[in-house]
Amino acid sequence: MDNVRVLIIEDNPAESDALVKALEANQYTVVGVAQTNREALELFYKSAVDIVIIDVFLGDIPDGITFAETITTVPNSLKPFVFLTSSNDRAVFDRAKLTKPYSFLMKPFNELEVVYAIEMAIERFYGQNDVFFSEEQNTVISNDYLFIKKNNTLKKVLISEICYIEVEERYCTIFTEKEKFVILMSLTKITELLDASRFARTHRNFIVNLAQIEEIDTTDNRIVLQGKQVIPFSEKYKDLIQRFRLLK
C-alpha cells in the first residue's frame, strides 16, 4: 500500500508549513508546495498527484481559482481538489463554486479539518459519498486505485496489482503477490464498483483479476495465477472460460 500524494498551492510559508505538518502526521505524502499558478501547473503535470489543496488567493489575486479553472478543462488529468480560503467575498466564492471543488477548507484550519476535507473530496470525486463515515464501507474504488481508510489515514492500492479477492460476509481480503489486507465491503458492493472487464467471480467467495490468470484447470476446478496462487473455480461460473479465451 502507498501513501496518498498531495500537492499544496499556498503562498504563505507559515500556512503551507502547517499543512505539510498536518498531512505528514497522518501519513500523506506532500509532492510539493507551489506559491504561484505557474509553479502549481508545473508540479501538477509532472508529479503523480492524488489530490490538490489550493489557496484561493495567491498574493492579492484569486489565482488559485485560475489554477482550478485550468485543470478542469482537461478531464483526463483532473484530480480532486480542495479550496483553502479565509475570504468572505461573495463574488470570489461564486467564481470558485463554478469550478466545482470537491471540498472547502476555511482558515484557520486544524489537523482534523484537513483530514476530513481530503476524505470528503476523494469520496465526491469518485462518486461514492459518505464512504469513510459509514459503518458499511471503508474504501473508495477508482479506475486505478483503492483508497482505504485506516484510522485517520488513507492508503491506496494499485488495482492492477490485485491478484484476487476473497469475500466473507461484510469483509473482503485483497491479495497481491506481496501482501494482503482486509477492507470493510460486501461482495455486492465491491462487484458493483470493480471494472467488470477486468475482474470476475470464479466462486461464490472469490473474485479474480483476469489479467493475473495463467491457467484454468477444469478437472480440479482451480485457477492458477501468475504468482502461483491457486483459487477455487466453481461450475456456476464456467462462462469465465469463454471470457478468458476471448481476452487472450
Protein backbone atom coordinates (compact mmCIF):
# COMPACT_ATOMS: atom_id res chain seq x y z
CA MET A 1 0.00 0.00 0.00
CA ASP A 2 1.18 3.52 -0.78
CA ASN A 3 0.54 6.93 0.73
CA VAL A 4 -1.93 9.35 -0.85
CA ARG A 5 0.04 12.11 -2.61
CA VAL A 6 -0.96 15.74 -2.05
CA LEU A 7 0.04 18.91 -3.90
CA ILE A 8 -0.22 22.14 -1.87
CA ILE A 9 -0.77 25.51 -3.54
CA GLU A 10 -0.21 28.15 -0.85
CA ASP A 11 1.91 31.32 -0.93
CA ASN A 12 2.06 31.85 2.84
CA PRO A 13 5.02 29.82 4.19
CA ALA A 14 3.59 29.59 7.71
CA GLU A 15 0.32 28.16 6.42
CA SER A 16 1.95 25.79 3.94
CA ASP A 17 4.25 24.55 6.71
CA ALA A 18 1.22 23.92 8.92
CA LEU A 19 -0.45 21.98 6.10
CA VAL A 20 2.65 19.88 5.49
CA LYS A 21 2.89 19.10 9.20
CA ALA A 22 -0.80 18.08 9.42
CA LEU A 23 -0.58 15.91 6.30
CA GLU A 24 2.64 14.14 7.23
CA ALA A 25 1.29 13.47 10.73
CA ASN A 26 -1.47 11.48 9.04
CA GLN A 27 0.87 9.68 6.63
CA TYR A 28 0.08 11.65 3.48
CA THR A 29 2.93 12.37 1.09
CA VAL A 30 3.39 16.01 0.05
CA VAL A 31 4.68 16.03 -3.54
CA GLY A 32 5.39 19.75 -3.50
CA VAL A 33 4.38 23.25 -2.41
CA ALA A 34 3.67 25.86 -5.10
CA GLN A 35 3.39 29.58 -4.43
CA THR A 36 2.19 30.70 -7.87
CA ASN A 37 -0.20 29.46 -10.53
CA ARG A 38 2.71 28.72 -12.86
CA GLU A 39 4.60 26.70 -10.27
CA ALA A 40 1.39 24.85 -9.44
CA LEU A 41 0.74 23.83 -13.04
CA GLU A 42 4.34 22.65 -13.49
CA LEU A 43 4.15 20.48 -10.35
CA PHE A 44 0.68 19.22 -11.15
CA TYR A 45 1.55 17.95 -14.62
CA LYS A 46 4.97 16.49 -13.79
CA SER A 47 4.09 14.80 -10.48
CA ALA A 48 1.91 11.84 -9.57
CA VAL A 49 -0.80 13.70 -7.63
CA ASP A 50 -3.88 12.21 -5.97
CA ILE A 51 -5.39 15.43 -4.57
CA VAL A 52 -4.66 19.18 -4.53
CA ILE A 53 -5.17 21.70 -1.73
CA ILE A 54 -5.50 25.16 -3.30
CA ASP A 55 -5.38 28.54 -1.56
CA VAL A 56 -7.92 30.72 -3.36
CA PHE A 57 -5.72 33.81 -3.14
CA LEU A 58 -2.09 33.73 -4.21
CA GLY A 59 -0.86 37.19 -3.34
CA ASP A 60 -3.71 39.64 -3.81
CA ILE A 61 -5.41 37.86 -6.70
CA PRO A 62 -7.54 34.68 -6.77
CA ASP A 63 -5.01 32.73 -8.84
CA GLY A 64 -5.94 29.54 -7.02
CA ILE A 65 -9.28 29.69 -8.83
CA THR A 66 -7.41 30.24 -12.11
CA PHE A 67 -5.46 27.05 -11.45
CA ALA A 68 -8.68 25.12 -10.77
CA GLU A 69 -10.28 26.51 -13.92
CA THR A 70 -7.28 25.32 -15.92
CA ILE A 71 -7.19 21.73 -14.67
CA THR A 72 -10.96 21.30 -15.02
CA THR A 73 -10.64 21.89 -18.78
CA VAL A 74 -8.53 18.74 -19.12
CA PRO A 75 -10.83 15.97 -17.79
CA ASN A 76 -8.35 13.11 -18.27
CA SER A 77 -5.86 14.74 -15.93
CA LEU A 78 -8.36 16.17 -13.43
CA LYS A 79 -7.83 15.27 -9.77
CA PRO A 80 -9.94 16.07 -6.71
CA PHE A 81 -9.14 19.45 -5.23
CA VAL A 82 -9.94 21.33 -2.03
CA PHE A 83 -10.12 25.11 -1.81
CA LEU A 84 -8.44 26.79 1.14
CA THR A 85 -9.65 30.30 1.95
CA SER A 86 -10.33 32.97 4.55
CA SER A 87 -12.14 35.23 2.08
CA ASN A 88 -15.74 36.34 2.67
CA ASP A 89 -16.04 37.97 -0.77
CA ARG A 90 -19.27 36.63 -2.29
CA ALA A 91 -18.18 37.25 -5.88
CA VAL A 92 -14.95 35.32 -5.34
CA PHE A 93 -16.86 32.50 -3.66
CA ASP A 94 -19.32 32.28 -6.55
CA ARG A 95 -16.46 32.12 -9.07
CA ALA A 96 -14.79 29.38 -7.02
CA LYS A 97 -18.03 27.37 -6.94
CA LEU A 98 -18.17 27.33 -10.74
CA THR A 99 -15.04 25.12 -10.79
CA LYS A 100 -17.00 22.53 -8.77
CA PRO A 101 -14.50 21.99 -5.94
CA TYR A 102 -14.84 18.74 -4.03
CA SER A 103 -14.47 20.37 -0.62
CA PHE A 104 -13.75 23.69 1.09
CA LEU A 105 -11.30 24.26 3.94
CA MET A 106 -11.62 27.51 5.89
CA LYS A 107 -8.72 29.34 7.51
CA PRO A 108 -7.64 29.00 10.22
CA PHE A 109 -7.80 25.21 9.90
CA ASN A 110 -6.85 22.37 12.22
CA GLU A 111 -5.46 18.92 11.51
CA LEU A 112 -8.79 17.12 11.76
CA GLU A 113 -10.42 19.54 9.32
CA VAL A 114 -7.63 18.92 6.79
CA VAL A 115 -8.10 15.15 7.01
CA TYR A 116 -11.89 15.45 6.77
CA ALA A 117 -11.70 17.74 3.72
CA ILE A 118 -9.40 15.33 1.87
CA GLU A 119 -11.58 12.31 2.62
CA MET A 120 -14.73 14.13 1.53
CA ALA A 121 -13.06 15.34 -1.68
CA ILE A 122 -11.91 11.84 -2.67
CA GLU A 123 -15.37 10.41 -1.96
CA ARG A 124 -17.12 13.03 -4.05
CA PHE A 125 -14.64 12.92 -6.91
CA TYR A 126 -15.16 9.19 -7.37
CA GLY A 127 -18.92 9.42 -6.82
CA GLN A 128 -19.03 7.34 -3.62
CA ASN A 129 -20.35 9.72 -0.97
CA ASP A 130 -20.32 9.05 2.79
CA VAL A 131 -17.99 6.04 2.47
CA PHE A 132 -15.44 6.94 5.14
CA PHE A 133 -18.12 7.90 7.63
CA SER A 134 -20.23 4.79 7.18
CA GLU A 135 -20.20 1.56 9.15
CA GLU A 136 -20.79 -0.35 5.91
CA GLN A 137 -17.68 0.57 3.95
CA ASN A 138 -14.16 1.99 4.41
CA THR A 139 -12.87 2.00 0.82
CA VAL A 140 -13.31 4.17 -2.27
CA ILE A 141 -12.63 2.46 -5.60
CA SER A 142 -11.38 4.38 -8.64
CA ASN A 143 -10.30 3.03 -12.03
CA ASP A 144 -6.71 2.74 -10.84
CA TYR A 145 -6.68 2.57 -7.04
CA LEU A 146 -8.41 1.50 -3.88
CA PHE A 147 -8.38 4.31 -1.30
CA ILE A 148 -8.61 2.60 2.08
CA LYS A 149 -9.23 4.38 5.37
CA LYS A 150 -7.29 3.08 8.36
CA ASN A 151 -7.96 5.19 11.46
CA ASN A 152 -7.27 8.78 10.29
CA THR A 153 -5.07 7.73 7.36
CA LEU A 154 -5.91 7.00 3.73
CA LYS A 155 -3.80 4.41 1.93
CA LYS A 156 -4.01 3.44 -1.72
CA VAL A 157 -3.54 0.15 -3.54
CA LEU A 158 -2.96 -0.14 -7.28
CA ILE A 159 -5.86 -2.15 -8.68
CA SER A 160 -3.73 -3.76 -11.40
CA GLU A 161 -1.60 -5.37 -8.67
CA ILE A 162 -4.57 -7.16 -7.10
CA CYS A 163 -4.41 -10.91 -7.82
CA TYR A 164 -7.70 -11.94 -6.27
CA ILE A 165 -10.23 -11.07 -3.60
CA GLU A 166 -11.73 -13.41 -1.04
CA VAL A 167 -15.07 -12.34 0.40
CA GLU A 168 -16.53 -13.34 3.74
CA GLU A 169 -19.73 -11.67 4.93
CA ARG A 170 -19.02 -7.91 5.19
CA TYR A 171 -15.27 -8.18 4.64
CA CYS A 172 -13.05 -8.57 1.59
CA THR A 173 -9.46 -9.79 1.82
CA ILE A 174 -7.39 -8.34 -1.01
CA PHE A 175 -4.40 -10.40 -2.14
CA THR A 176 -1.47 -9.07 -4.16
CA GLU A 177 1.71 -11.04 -4.81
CA LYS A 178 3.45 -9.45 -1.81
CA GLU A 179 0.75 -8.63 0.74
CA LYS A 180 -2.85 -8.94 1.79
CA PHE A 181 -5.21 -6.61 3.59
CA VAL A 182 -8.81 -6.57 4.72
CA ILE A 183 -11.40 -3.97 3.79
CA LEU A 184 -14.95 -3.47 5.03
CA MET A 185 -17.10 -4.01 1.94
CA SER A 186 -19.74 -6.51 0.86
CA LEU A 187 -19.49 -8.77 -2.17
CA THR A 188 -22.35 -6.93 -3.82
CA LYS A 189 -20.70 -3.54 -3.37
CA ILE A 190 -17.20 -4.49 -4.49
CA THR A 191 -18.60 -6.29 -7.56
CA GLU A 192 -20.57 -3.18 -8.42
CA LEU A 193 -17.53 -0.88 -8.15
CA LEU A 194 -14.85 -3.00 -9.82
CA ASP A 195 -14.47 -2.87 -13.59
CA ALA A 196 -16.32 -5.94 -14.89
CA SER A 197 -13.96 -6.16 -17.87
CA ARG A 198 -11.01 -6.66 -15.51
CA PHE A 199 -12.46 -8.69 -12.62
CA ALA A 200 -14.79 -11.69 -12.49
CA ARG A 201 -16.19 -14.09 -9.92
CA THR A 202 -14.82 -17.63 -10.01
CA HIS A 203 -16.63 -18.90 -6.93
CA ARG A 204 -19.26 -17.55 -4.56
CA ASN A 205 -16.49 -16.21 -2.30
CA PHE A 206 -13.78 -15.32 -4.83
CA ILE A 207 -13.16 -12.58 -7.40
CA VAL A 208 -10.14 -12.79 -9.73
CA ASN A 209 -8.14 -10.24 -11.70
CA LEU A 210 -8.43 -11.64 -15.25
CA ALA A 211 -5.01 -10.29 -16.21
CA GLN A 212 -3.44 -12.45 -13.47
CA ILE A 213 -4.78 -15.79 -14.74
CA GLU A 214 -2.20 -18.28 -16.04
CA GLU A 215 -4.23 -21.46 -16.12
CA ILE A 216 -7.81 -22.66 -15.63
CA ASP A 217 -7.94 -26.30 -14.55
CA THR A 218 -11.48 -27.54 -15.13
CA THR A 219 -10.59 -31.05 -13.91
CA ASP A 220 -9.65 -29.97 -10.41
CA ASN A 221 -11.80 -26.81 -10.53
CA ARG A 222 -9.00 -24.41 -9.76
CA ILE A 223 -7.35 -21.34 -11.24
CA VAL A 224 -3.60 -20.73 -11.14
CA LEU A 225 -2.47 -17.11 -11.08
CA GLN A 226 0.81 -15.53 -12.18
CA GLY A 227 2.20 -15.52 -8.66
CA LYS A 228 1.39 -19.26 -8.44
CA GLN A 229 -1.53 -18.56 -6.14
CA VAL A 230 -4.36 -21.04 -6.54
CA ILE A 231 -8.04 -20.20 -6.09
CA PRO A 232 -11.20 -22.33 -6.48
CA PHE A 233 -13.28 -22.38 -9.61
CA SER A 234 -16.98 -23.22 -9.42
CA GLU A 235 -19.08 -24.77 -12.17
CA LYS A 236 -21.57 -21.97 -11.65
CA TYR A 237 -19.06 -19.56 -13.19
CA LYS A 238 -17.87 -21.75 -16.07
CA ASP A 239 -18.70 -18.99 -18.56
CA LEU A 240 -15.45 -17.43 -17.32
CA ILE A 241 -13.58 -19.90 -19.55
CA GLN A 242 -15.07 -18.42 -22.70
CA ARG A 243 -14.48 -14.93 -21.45
CA PHE A 244 -10.87 -15.68 -20.62
CA ARG A 245 -10.20 -17.16 -24.03
CA LEU A 246 -11.68 -14.08 -25.68
CA LEU A 247 -9.37 -11.87 -23.63
CA LYS A 248 -6.38 -13.92 -24.72
